[in-house]
Amino acid sequence: MTDLFRPRHYSQATGITSALSSDRPRIVVGVDGSECSLEALRQAISIGRSRNAVVDAVTVWHFPYISYSQLPALLSDPEGDAGTCLRNALDQVLGSDRPDWLRAWAIEGTPSRTLMRESAGAEMLVLGSRGRGGISGMRPGSVSSACAAHATCPVLVIHNPRHREAPSPAMVPAGEHQPS
């Protein structure tokens, strides 16, 4: 088994598209370890398999913004944590059976901008509707919303089936009854 985790940094000089060029279609999936992102990874792998596409699993990390009182945060390893998160997600979804058309990347940056940049030229970007978050000032679902609004490729947003709510009465078509 080959370890698919290959940390890298975006290079303005070379550009991400040329670094990832392939004759096959490409699907990018954002992975942060949340249930929704694991389901997004499952869906991206299924779509990639059916379309004979390369699947790029991407975890985005950044150095936290800290104040003097948060000095212990300097001792953290966000890049290493992102790699661990990505490995764990791949293990959880695939076990040790990882296809050769699946690539995994931990990339420094802000989530929505990085995922949009990574998906440039891709056939599709697949995201969970709600991730782990943890970035102050960001609302739940803001990464998927920003990517859906601004990405240059189609975006598939996966909702966690366990947390789906029944439609509100305003969403139930006339003549139908809402399940109780």
N, C-alpha and C. Protein backbone atom coordinates (compact mmCIF):
# COMPACT_ATOMS: atom_id res chain seq x y z
N MET A 1 0.84 -1.18 0.00
CA MET A 1 0.00 0.00 0.00
C MET A 1 0.89 1.25 0.00
N THR A 2 0.53 2.19 -0.83
CA THR A 2 1.25 3.45 -0.90
C THR A 2 0.53 4.50 -0.09
N ASP A 3 1.26 5.23 0.72
CA ASP A 3 0.67 6.30 1.49
C ASP A 3 0.36 7.45 0.54
N LEU A 4 -0.90 7.85 0.47
CA LEU A 4 -1.33 8.87 -0.48
C LEU A 4 -1.18 10.29 0.02
N PHE A 5 -0.83 10.44 1.28
CA PHE A 5 -0.73 11.79 1.83
C PHE A 5 0.58 12.42 1.38
N ARG A 6 0.46 13.50 0.63
CA ARG A 6 1.64 14.22 0.14
C ARG A 6 1.46 15.70 0.45
N PRO A 7 2.03 16.19 1.56
CA PRO A 7 1.86 17.61 1.85
C PRO A 7 2.53 18.46 0.79
N ARG A 8 1.92 19.58 0.51
CA ARG A 8 2.52 20.50 -0.45
C ARG A 8 1.97 21.88 -0.20
N HIS A 9 2.59 22.83 -0.81
CA HIS A 9 2.16 24.21 -0.70
C HIS A 9 1.90 24.74 -2.10
N TYR A 10 0.93 25.60 -2.20
CA TYR A 10 0.61 26.21 -3.49
C TYR A 10 1.75 27.12 -3.90
N SER A 11 2.12 27.04 -5.15
CA SER A 11 3.18 27.88 -5.66
C SER A 11 2.62 28.84 -6.69
N GLN A 12 2.75 30.12 -6.43
CA GLN A 12 2.29 31.13 -7.40
C GLN A 12 3.07 30.98 -8.71
N ALA A 13 4.32 30.55 -8.59
CA ALA A 13 5.18 30.47 -9.78
C ALA A 13 4.73 29.37 -10.74
N THR A 14 4.43 28.18 -10.21
CA THR A 14 4.07 27.07 -11.10
C THR A 14 2.58 26.98 -11.33
N GLY A 15 1.77 27.35 -10.34
CA GLY A 15 0.32 27.27 -10.48
C GLY A 15 -0.16 25.85 -10.22
N ILE A 16 -1.30 25.76 -9.62
CA ILE A 16 -1.82 24.47 -9.21
C ILE A 16 -2.27 23.63 -10.40
N THR A 17 -2.82 24.25 -11.42
CA THR A 17 -3.38 23.47 -12.52
C THR A 17 -2.32 22.67 -13.24
N SER A 18 -1.19 23.27 -13.52
CA SER A 18 -0.15 22.52 -14.22
C SER A 18 0.44 21.43 -13.34
N ALA A 19 0.49 21.67 -12.04
CA ALA A 19 1.03 20.66 -11.13
C ALA A 19 0.12 19.44 -11.04
N LEU A 20 -1.17 19.62 -11.33
CA LEU A 20 -2.13 18.53 -11.22
C LEU A 20 -2.66 18.06 -12.57
N SER A 21 -2.03 18.46 -13.66
CA SER A 21 -2.57 18.13 -14.97
C SER A 21 -2.64 16.62 -15.17
N SER A 22 -3.69 16.19 -15.85
CA SER A 22 -3.92 14.78 -16.09
C SER A 22 -4.80 14.66 -17.32
N ASP A 23 -4.74 13.53 -18.00
CA ASP A 23 -5.60 13.30 -19.15
C ASP A 23 -7.01 12.93 -18.72
N ARG A 24 -7.18 12.58 -17.46
CA ARG A 24 -8.48 12.16 -16.95
C ARG A 24 -9.21 13.35 -16.33
N PRO A 25 -10.55 13.28 -16.29
CA PRO A 25 -11.28 14.33 -15.58
C PRO A 25 -10.87 14.32 -14.11
N ARG A 26 -11.09 15.44 -13.43
CA ARG A 26 -10.66 15.57 -12.04
C ARG A 26 -11.82 16.05 -11.18
N ILE A 27 -11.98 15.41 -10.03
CA ILE A 27 -12.98 15.80 -9.04
C ILE A 27 -12.23 16.16 -7.77
N VAL A 28 -12.57 17.30 -7.19
CA VAL A 28 -11.94 17.76 -5.95
C VAL A 28 -12.97 17.62 -4.84
N VAL A 29 -12.53 17.10 -3.70
CA VAL A 29 -13.42 16.97 -2.54
C VAL A 29 -12.75 17.57 -1.32
N GLY A 30 -13.48 18.42 -0.61
CA GLY A 30 -12.97 19.01 0.62
C GLY A 30 -13.21 18.06 1.79
N VAL A 31 -12.16 17.83 2.57
CA VAL A 31 -12.24 16.89 3.69
C VAL A 31 -11.75 17.60 4.96
N ASP A 32 -12.62 17.64 5.98
CA ASP A 32 -12.20 18.21 7.26
C ASP A 32 -12.47 17.26 8.43
N GLY A 33 -12.88 16.04 8.14
CA GLY A 33 -13.13 15.05 9.18
C GLY A 33 -14.54 15.05 9.72
N SER A 34 -15.36 16.02 9.34
CA SER A 34 -16.75 16.06 9.80
C SER A 34 -17.55 14.96 9.10
N GLU A 35 -18.72 14.63 9.67
CA GLU A 35 -19.56 13.59 9.06
C GLU A 35 -19.94 13.97 7.63
N CYS A 36 -20.27 15.23 7.42
CA CYS A 36 -20.66 15.67 6.08
C CYS A 36 -19.49 15.54 5.10
N SER A 37 -18.28 15.84 5.55
CA SER A 37 -17.14 15.74 4.63
C SER A 37 -16.79 14.28 4.34
N LEU A 38 -17.03 13.39 5.30
CA LEU A 38 -16.81 11.96 5.04
C LEU A 38 -17.81 11.46 4.01
N GLU A 39 -19.04 11.92 4.11
CA GLU A 39 -20.05 11.54 3.11
C GLU A 39 -19.70 12.16 1.75
N ALA A 40 -19.18 13.38 1.76
CA ALA A 40 -18.75 14.01 0.51
C ALA A 40 -17.60 13.21 -0.11
N LEU A 41 -16.68 12.72 0.70
CA LEU A 41 -15.58 11.89 0.21
C LEU A 41 -16.13 10.60 -0.40
N ARG A 42 -17.08 9.97 0.27
CA ARG A 42 -17.70 8.74 -0.28
C ARG A 42 -18.33 9.02 -1.64
N GLN A 43 -19.07 10.13 -1.73
CA GLN A 43 -19.74 10.47 -2.98
C GLN A 43 -18.73 10.80 -4.08
N ALA A 44 -17.69 11.55 -3.75
CA ALA A 44 -16.67 11.90 -4.74
C ALA A 44 -15.98 10.65 -5.26
N ILE A 45 -15.70 9.70 -4.39
CA ILE A 45 -15.06 8.45 -4.81
C ILE A 45 -16.00 7.67 -5.72
N SER A 46 -17.27 7.62 -5.37
CA SER A 46 -18.25 6.92 -6.19
C SER A 46 -18.36 7.56 -7.58
N ILE A 47 -18.45 8.87 -7.61
CA ILE A 47 -18.54 9.60 -8.88
C ILE A 47 -17.25 9.43 -9.67
N GLY A 48 -16.10 9.54 -9.00
CA GLY A 48 -14.81 9.37 -9.66
C GLY A 48 -14.68 7.99 -10.29
N ARG A 49 -15.10 6.97 -9.56
CA ARG A 49 -15.04 5.60 -10.08
C ARG A 49 -15.93 5.47 -11.32
N SER A 50 -17.14 6.01 -11.27
CA SER A 50 -18.07 5.87 -12.39
C SER A 50 -17.65 6.70 -13.61
N ARG A 51 -16.93 7.77 -13.40
CA ARG A 51 -16.52 8.65 -14.51
C ARG A 51 -15.06 8.47 -14.91
N ASN A 52 -14.38 7.50 -14.29
CA ASN A 52 -12.97 7.26 -14.56
C ASN A 52 -12.15 8.54 -14.35
N ALA A 53 -12.42 9.20 -13.23
CA ALA A 53 -11.80 10.49 -12.92
C ALA A 53 -10.77 10.34 -11.81
N VAL A 54 -9.84 11.28 -11.76
CA VAL A 54 -8.92 11.41 -10.65
C VAL A 54 -9.67 12.16 -9.55
N VAL A 55 -9.56 11.69 -8.32
CA VAL A 55 -10.19 12.37 -7.19
C VAL A 55 -9.08 12.95 -6.31
N ASP A 56 -9.15 14.25 -6.10
CA ASP A 56 -8.20 14.95 -5.22
C ASP A 56 -8.91 15.26 -3.91
N ALA A 57 -8.54 14.57 -2.84
CA ALA A 57 -9.06 14.84 -1.50
C ALA A 57 -8.19 15.94 -0.90
N VAL A 58 -8.81 17.05 -0.50
CA VAL A 58 -8.06 18.22 -0.04
C VAL A 58 -8.48 18.59 1.38
N THR A 59 -7.51 18.69 2.26
CA THR A 59 -7.71 19.23 3.59
C THR A 59 -6.95 20.55 3.66
N VAL A 60 -7.63 21.59 4.10
CA VAL A 60 -7.02 22.92 4.16
C VAL A 60 -6.70 23.24 5.61
N TRP A 61 -5.50 23.76 5.82
CA TRP A 61 -5.07 24.13 7.17
C TRP A 61 -4.52 25.54 7.14
N HIS A 62 -4.43 26.14 8.31
CA HIS A 62 -3.83 27.47 8.42
C HIS A 62 -3.26 27.65 9.82
N PHE A 63 -2.34 28.56 9.93
CA PHE A 63 -1.84 28.91 11.26
C PHE A 63 -2.90 29.77 11.93
N PRO A 64 -3.23 29.45 13.17
CA PRO A 64 -4.29 30.21 13.83
C PRO A 64 -3.85 31.63 14.12
N TYR A 65 -4.83 32.54 14.12
CA TYR A 65 -4.57 33.91 14.53
C TYR A 65 -4.59 33.90 16.04
N ILE A 66 -3.52 34.38 16.65
CA ILE A 66 -3.43 34.30 18.10
C ILE A 66 -3.07 35.64 18.71
N SER A 67 -3.42 35.78 19.95
CA SER A 67 -2.99 36.94 20.73
C SER A 67 -1.95 36.43 21.73
N TYR A 68 -1.38 37.34 22.46
CA TYR A 68 -0.36 36.96 23.43
C TYR A 68 -0.89 35.93 24.43
N SER A 69 -2.16 36.07 24.82
CA SER A 69 -2.73 35.16 25.81
C SER A 69 -2.92 33.75 25.25
N GLN A 70 -2.86 33.61 23.94
CA GLN A 70 -3.02 32.31 23.31
C GLN A 70 -1.69 31.74 22.84
N LEU A 71 -0.61 32.16 23.46
CA LEU A 71 0.73 31.75 23.06
C LEU A 71 0.90 30.23 22.92
N PRO A 72 0.25 29.40 23.74
CA PRO A 72 0.42 27.94 23.56
C PRO A 72 -0.01 27.45 22.17
N ALA A 73 -0.84 28.21 21.47
CA ALA A 73 -1.25 27.81 20.12
C ALA A 73 -0.06 27.76 19.17
N LEU A 74 1.00 28.52 19.50
CA LEU A 74 2.21 28.49 18.67
C LEU A 74 2.86 27.12 18.69
N LEU A 75 2.60 26.37 19.74
CA LEU A 75 3.20 25.05 19.86
C LEU A 75 2.41 23.99 19.09
N SER A 76 1.27 24.37 18.55
CA SER A 76 0.46 23.40 17.80
C SER A 76 1.08 23.16 16.43
N ASP A 77 0.62 22.11 15.77
CA ASP A 77 1.13 21.74 14.45
C ASP A 77 -0.04 21.60 13.49
N PRO A 78 -0.58 22.71 12.96
CA PRO A 78 -1.76 22.63 12.11
C PRO A 78 -1.54 21.79 10.85
N GLU A 79 -0.35 21.84 10.27
CA GLU A 79 -0.09 21.03 9.08
C GLU A 79 -0.11 19.54 9.42
N GLY A 80 0.52 19.19 10.53
CA GLY A 80 0.50 17.79 10.97
C GLY A 80 -0.89 17.33 11.34
N ASP A 81 -1.66 18.23 12.00
CA ASP A 81 -3.05 17.90 12.35
C ASP A 81 -3.89 17.68 11.09
N ALA A 82 -3.66 18.50 10.06
CA ALA A 82 -4.40 18.35 8.80
C ALA A 82 -4.07 17.01 8.15
N GLY A 83 -2.80 16.64 8.18
CA GLY A 83 -2.40 15.36 7.61
C GLY A 83 -3.03 14.19 8.35
N THR A 84 -3.06 14.29 9.66
CA THR A 84 -3.70 13.25 10.47
C THR A 84 -5.19 13.17 10.18
N CYS A 85 -5.83 14.31 10.09
CA CYS A 85 -7.26 14.38 9.77
C CYS A 85 -7.54 13.71 8.42
N LEU A 86 -6.71 14.02 7.44
CA LEU A 86 -6.90 13.47 6.09
C LEU A 86 -6.66 11.97 6.08
N ARG A 87 -5.60 11.52 6.72
CA ARG A 87 -5.34 10.08 6.80
C ARG A 87 -6.48 9.34 7.49
N ASN A 88 -6.96 9.91 8.60
CA ASN A 88 -8.06 9.28 9.33
C ASN A 88 -9.32 9.21 8.48
N ALA A 89 -9.62 10.27 7.74
CA ALA A 89 -10.81 10.28 6.88
C ALA A 89 -10.68 9.22 5.79
N LEU A 90 -9.51 9.13 5.16
CA LEU A 90 -9.31 8.11 4.12
C LEU A 90 -9.41 6.71 4.70
N ASP A 91 -8.84 6.51 5.89
CA ASP A 91 -8.94 5.20 6.54
C ASP A 91 -10.39 4.86 6.87
N GLN A 92 -11.13 5.85 7.36
CA GLN A 92 -12.51 5.62 7.75
C GLN A 92 -13.39 5.27 6.54
N VAL A 93 -13.15 5.92 5.42
CA VAL A 93 -13.98 5.71 4.23
C VAL A 93 -13.50 4.52 3.40
N LEU A 94 -12.19 4.36 3.27
CA LEU A 94 -11.65 3.34 2.37
C LEU A 94 -10.92 2.20 3.04
N GLY A 95 -10.57 2.34 4.30
CA GLY A 95 -9.70 1.35 4.93
C GLY A 95 -8.33 1.42 4.27
N SER A 96 -7.74 0.27 4.05
CA SER A 96 -6.42 0.26 3.42
C SER A 96 -6.49 0.11 1.90
N ASP A 97 -7.70 0.01 1.36
CA ASP A 97 -7.89 -0.20 -0.07
C ASP A 97 -8.07 1.14 -0.78
N ARG A 98 -6.95 1.78 -1.09
CA ARG A 98 -7.01 3.11 -1.72
C ARG A 98 -6.69 2.99 -3.20
N PRO A 99 -7.59 3.46 -4.05
CA PRO A 99 -7.35 3.37 -5.49
C PRO A 99 -6.20 4.28 -5.93
N ASP A 100 -5.55 3.90 -7.02
CA ASP A 100 -4.41 4.70 -7.49
C ASP A 100 -4.84 6.03 -8.11
N TRP A 101 -6.12 6.20 -8.40
CA TRP A 101 -6.62 7.45 -8.97
C TRP A 101 -7.08 8.44 -7.90
N LEU A 102 -6.81 8.12 -6.64
CA LEU A 102 -7.12 9.02 -5.54
C LEU A 102 -5.84 9.67 -5.05
N ARG A 103 -5.84 11.00 -5.01
CA ARG A 103 -4.70 11.74 -4.48
C ARG A 103 -5.16 12.51 -3.26
N ALA A 104 -4.26 12.73 -2.32
CA ALA A 104 -4.61 13.42 -1.08
C ALA A 104 -3.63 14.55 -0.83
N TRP A 105 -4.17 15.71 -0.44
CA TRP A 105 -3.35 16.90 -0.26
C TRP A 105 -3.75 17.65 1.00
N ALA A 106 -2.79 18.11 1.76
CA ALA A 106 -3.00 19.04 2.86
C ALA A 106 -2.37 20.35 2.43
N ILE A 107 -3.19 21.39 2.35
CA ILE A 107 -2.74 22.66 1.75
C ILE A 107 -3.02 23.81 2.71
N GLU A 108 -2.05 24.69 2.87
CA GLU A 108 -2.21 25.86 3.71
C GLU A 108 -3.05 26.91 2.99
N GLY A 109 -3.99 27.49 3.72
CA GLY A 109 -4.79 28.57 3.15
C GLY A 109 -6.11 28.71 3.88
N THR A 110 -6.96 29.58 3.36
CA THR A 110 -8.32 29.68 3.88
C THR A 110 -9.19 28.70 3.11
N PRO A 111 -10.12 28.04 3.78
CA PRO A 111 -10.85 26.93 3.15
C PRO A 111 -11.55 27.28 1.83
N SER A 112 -12.40 28.28 1.81
CA SER A 112 -13.16 28.53 0.58
C SER A 112 -12.25 28.95 -0.58
N ARG A 113 -11.33 29.86 -0.34
CA ARG A 113 -10.43 30.30 -1.42
C ARG A 113 -9.55 29.17 -1.93
N THR A 114 -9.04 28.37 -1.00
CA THR A 114 -8.15 27.27 -1.40
C THR A 114 -8.92 26.23 -2.18
N LEU A 115 -10.10 25.86 -1.73
CA LEU A 115 -10.90 24.85 -2.44
C LEU A 115 -11.32 25.35 -3.82
N MET A 116 -11.67 26.64 -3.92
CA MET A 116 -12.02 27.19 -5.24
C MET A 116 -10.81 27.19 -6.16
N ARG A 117 -9.65 27.55 -5.64
CA ARG A 117 -8.44 27.54 -6.45
C ARG A 117 -8.09 26.12 -6.88
N GLU A 118 -8.18 25.17 -5.95
CA GLU A 118 -7.85 23.78 -6.26
C GLU A 118 -8.80 23.18 -7.28
N SER A 119 -10.05 23.63 -7.27
CA SER A 119 -11.04 23.05 -8.18
C SER A 119 -11.07 23.73 -9.54
N ALA A 120 -10.27 24.75 -9.74
CA ALA A 120 -10.21 25.40 -11.06
C ALA A 120 -9.82 24.36 -12.10
N GLY A 121 -10.62 24.21 -13.13
CA GLY A 121 -10.35 23.23 -14.17
C GLY A 121 -10.87 21.84 -13.86
N ALA A 122 -11.42 21.66 -12.66
CA ALA A 122 -11.95 20.34 -12.30
C ALA A 122 -13.34 20.16 -12.90
N GLU A 123 -13.76 18.92 -12.99
CA GLU A 123 -15.11 18.62 -13.45
C GLU A 123 -16.13 18.94 -12.37
N MET A 124 -15.72 18.82 -11.10
CA MET A 124 -16.65 19.04 -10.01
C MET A 124 -15.90 19.25 -8.70
N LEU A 125 -16.53 20.03 -7.81
CA LEU A 125 -16.07 20.20 -6.44
C LEU A 125 -17.16 19.62 -5.55
N VAL A 126 -16.79 18.71 -4.65
CA VAL A 126 -17.75 18.06 -3.75
C VAL A 126 -17.42 18.48 -2.32
N LEU A 127 -18.44 18.95 -1.60
CA LEU A 127 -18.25 19.45 -0.24
C LEU A 127 -19.37 18.99 0.66
N GLY A 128 -19.07 18.87 1.95
CA GLY A 128 -20.12 18.67 2.94
C GLY A 128 -20.81 19.99 3.21
N SER A 129 -22.08 19.93 3.57
CA SER A 129 -22.82 21.18 3.81
C SER A 129 -22.36 21.89 5.07
N ARG A 130 -21.88 21.13 6.04
CA ARG A 130 -21.37 21.74 7.28
C ARG A 130 -20.12 21.00 7.70
N GLY A 131 -19.08 21.76 7.95
CA GLY A 131 -17.82 21.15 8.36
C GLY A 131 -17.56 21.34 9.83
N ARG A 132 -16.31 21.13 10.18
CA ARG A 132 -15.91 21.30 11.58
C ARG A 132 -15.86 22.76 11.98
N GLY A 133 -15.64 23.63 10.99
CA GLY A 133 -15.59 25.06 11.30
C GLY A 133 -14.37 25.38 12.14
N GLY A 134 -14.59 26.14 13.19
CA GLY A 134 -13.50 26.46 14.09
C GLY A 134 -12.76 27.72 13.70
N ILE A 135 -13.12 28.31 12.57
CA ILE A 135 -12.48 29.57 12.18
C ILE A 135 -13.39 30.68 12.67
N SER A 136 -12.88 31.50 13.55
CA SER A 136 -13.72 32.53 14.12
C SER A 136 -14.25 33.45 13.04
N GLY A 137 -15.50 33.83 13.19
CA GLY A 137 -16.13 34.73 12.23
C GLY A 137 -16.80 34.01 11.07
N MET A 138 -16.66 32.69 10.98
CA MET A 138 -17.28 31.96 9.89
C MET A 138 -18.51 31.23 10.40
N ARG A 139 -19.60 31.34 9.65
CA ARG A 139 -20.83 30.65 10.01
C ARG A 139 -20.79 29.21 9.53
N PRO A 140 -21.53 28.31 10.17
CA PRO A 140 -21.61 26.94 9.67
C PRO A 140 -22.13 26.92 8.24
N GLY A 141 -21.47 26.18 7.39
CA GLY A 141 -21.89 26.10 6.00
C GLY A 141 -21.37 27.22 5.12
N SER A 142 -20.59 28.14 5.68
CA SER A 142 -20.14 29.29 4.89
C SER A 142 -19.14 28.90 3.81
N VAL A 143 -18.33 27.87 4.04
CA VAL A 143 -17.37 27.43 3.02
C VAL A 143 -18.13 26.85 1.83
N SER A 144 -19.07 25.94 2.09
CA SER A 144 -19.83 25.36 0.98
C SER A 144 -20.66 26.43 0.27
N SER A 145 -21.21 27.38 1.00
CA SER A 145 -21.99 28.45 0.38
C SER A 145 -21.11 29.32 -0.51
N ALA A 146 -19.94 29.70 -0.02
CA ALA A 146 -19.04 30.54 -0.81
C ALA A 146 -18.57 29.80 -2.06
N CYS A 147 -18.24 28.53 -1.91
CA CYS A 147 -17.78 27.75 -3.07
C CYS A 147 -18.90 27.57 -4.08
N ALA A 148 -20.13 27.29 -3.61
CA ALA A 148 -21.26 27.13 -4.52
C ALA A 148 -21.51 28.42 -5.30
N ALA A 149 -21.30 29.56 -4.66
CA ALA A 149 -21.55 30.84 -5.31
C ALA A 149 -20.43 31.28 -6.25
N HIS A 150 -19.18 30.87 -5.97
CA HIS A 150 -18.06 31.47 -6.70
C HIS A 150 -17.12 30.51 -7.41
N ALA A 151 -17.25 29.21 -7.22
CA ALA A 151 -16.34 28.27 -7.88
C ALA A 151 -16.57 28.29 -9.39
N THR A 152 -15.54 27.95 -10.13
CA THR A 152 -15.62 27.97 -11.60
C THR A 152 -16.06 26.63 -12.17
N CYS A 153 -16.37 25.67 -11.32
CA CYS A 153 -16.86 24.36 -11.76
C CYS A 153 -18.15 24.06 -11.00
N PRO A 154 -18.90 23.05 -11.43
CA PRO A 154 -20.09 22.67 -10.67
C PRO A 154 -19.71 22.24 -9.26
N VAL A 155 -20.57 22.55 -8.29
CA VAL A 155 -20.34 22.22 -6.89
C VAL A 155 -21.48 21.33 -6.40
N LEU A 156 -21.13 20.18 -5.85
CA LEU A 156 -22.09 19.28 -5.24
C LEU A 156 -21.94 19.39 -3.74
N VAL A 157 -23.01 19.82 -3.07
CA VAL A 157 -23.00 19.98 -1.62
C VAL A 157 -23.77 18.82 -1.01
N ILE A 158 -23.09 18.05 -0.17
CA ILE A 158 -23.66 16.86 0.44
C ILE A 158 -24.15 17.19 1.85
N HIS A 159 -25.39 16.87 2.12
CA HIS A 159 -25.96 17.06 3.45
C HIS A 159 -25.86 15.75 4.21
N ASN A 160 -25.72 15.83 5.50
CA ASN A 160 -25.64 14.64 6.34
C ASN A 160 -27.03 14.03 6.43
N PRO A 161 -27.21 12.81 5.92
CA PRO A 161 -28.56 12.23 5.92
C PRO A 161 -29.14 12.04 7.32
N ARG A 162 -28.31 11.91 8.33
CA ARG A 162 -28.82 11.73 9.70
C ARG A 162 -29.39 13.01 10.29
N HIS A 163 -29.04 14.15 9.72
CA HIS A 163 -29.49 15.42 10.29
C HIS A 163 -30.48 16.15 9.40
N ARG A 164 -31.02 15.48 8.42
CA ARG A 164 -32.01 16.14 7.56
C ARG A 164 -33.28 16.36 8.35
N GLU A 165 -33.83 17.52 8.19
CA GLU A 165 -35.07 17.85 8.87
C GLU A 165 -36.23 17.63 7.92
N ALA A 166 -37.40 17.38 8.47
CA ALA A 166 -38.60 17.30 7.63
C ALA A 166 -38.85 18.68 7.05
N PRO A 167 -39.39 18.74 5.84
CA PRO A 167 -39.63 20.05 5.23
C PRO A 167 -40.63 20.85 6.05
N SER A 168 -40.45 22.16 6.02
CA SER A 168 -41.40 23.02 6.73
C SER A 168 -42.72 23.00 5.95
N PRO A 169 -43.83 23.36 6.61
CA PRO A 169 -45.11 23.33 5.91
C PRO A 169 -45.11 24.15 4.63
N ALA A 170 -44.33 25.22 4.58
CA ALA A 170 -44.29 26.04 3.38
C ALA A 170 -43.62 25.31 2.22
N MET A 171 -42.83 24.27 2.52
CA MET A 171 -42.11 23.55 1.47
C MET A 171 -42.87 22.31 0.99
N VAL A 172 -43.96 21.92 1.66
CA VAL A 172 -44.71 20.74 1.27
C VAL A 172 -45.67 21.14 0.15
N PRO A 173 -45.61 20.44 -1.01
CA PRO A 173 -46.50 20.79 -2.11
C PRO A 173 -47.97 20.68 -1.69
N ALA A 174 -48.79 21.52 -2.29
CA ALA A 174 -50.22 21.54 -1.98
C ALA A 174 -50.82 20.17 -2.19
N GLY A 175 -51.70 19.76 -1.27
CA GLY A 175 -52.37 18.47 -1.39
C GLY A 175 -51.60 17.33 -0.74
N GLU A 176 -50.35 17.55 -0.34
CA GLU A 176 -49.57 16.51 0.32
C GLU A 176 -49.53 16.80 1.81
N HIS A 177 -49.38 15.77 2.59
CA HIS A 177 -49.31 15.92 4.03
C HIS A 177 -47.87 15.74 4.48
N GLN A 178 -47.48 16.55 5.44
CA GLN A 178 -46.16 16.45 6.03
C GLN A 178 -46.11 15.24 6.95
N PRO A 179 -45.02 14.42 6.86
CA PRO A 179 -44.92 13.27 7.76
C PRO A 179 -44.84 13.72 9.21
N SER A 180 -45.48 12.95 10.09
CA SER A 180 -45.45 13.34 11.51
C SER A 180 -44.44 12.55 12.27
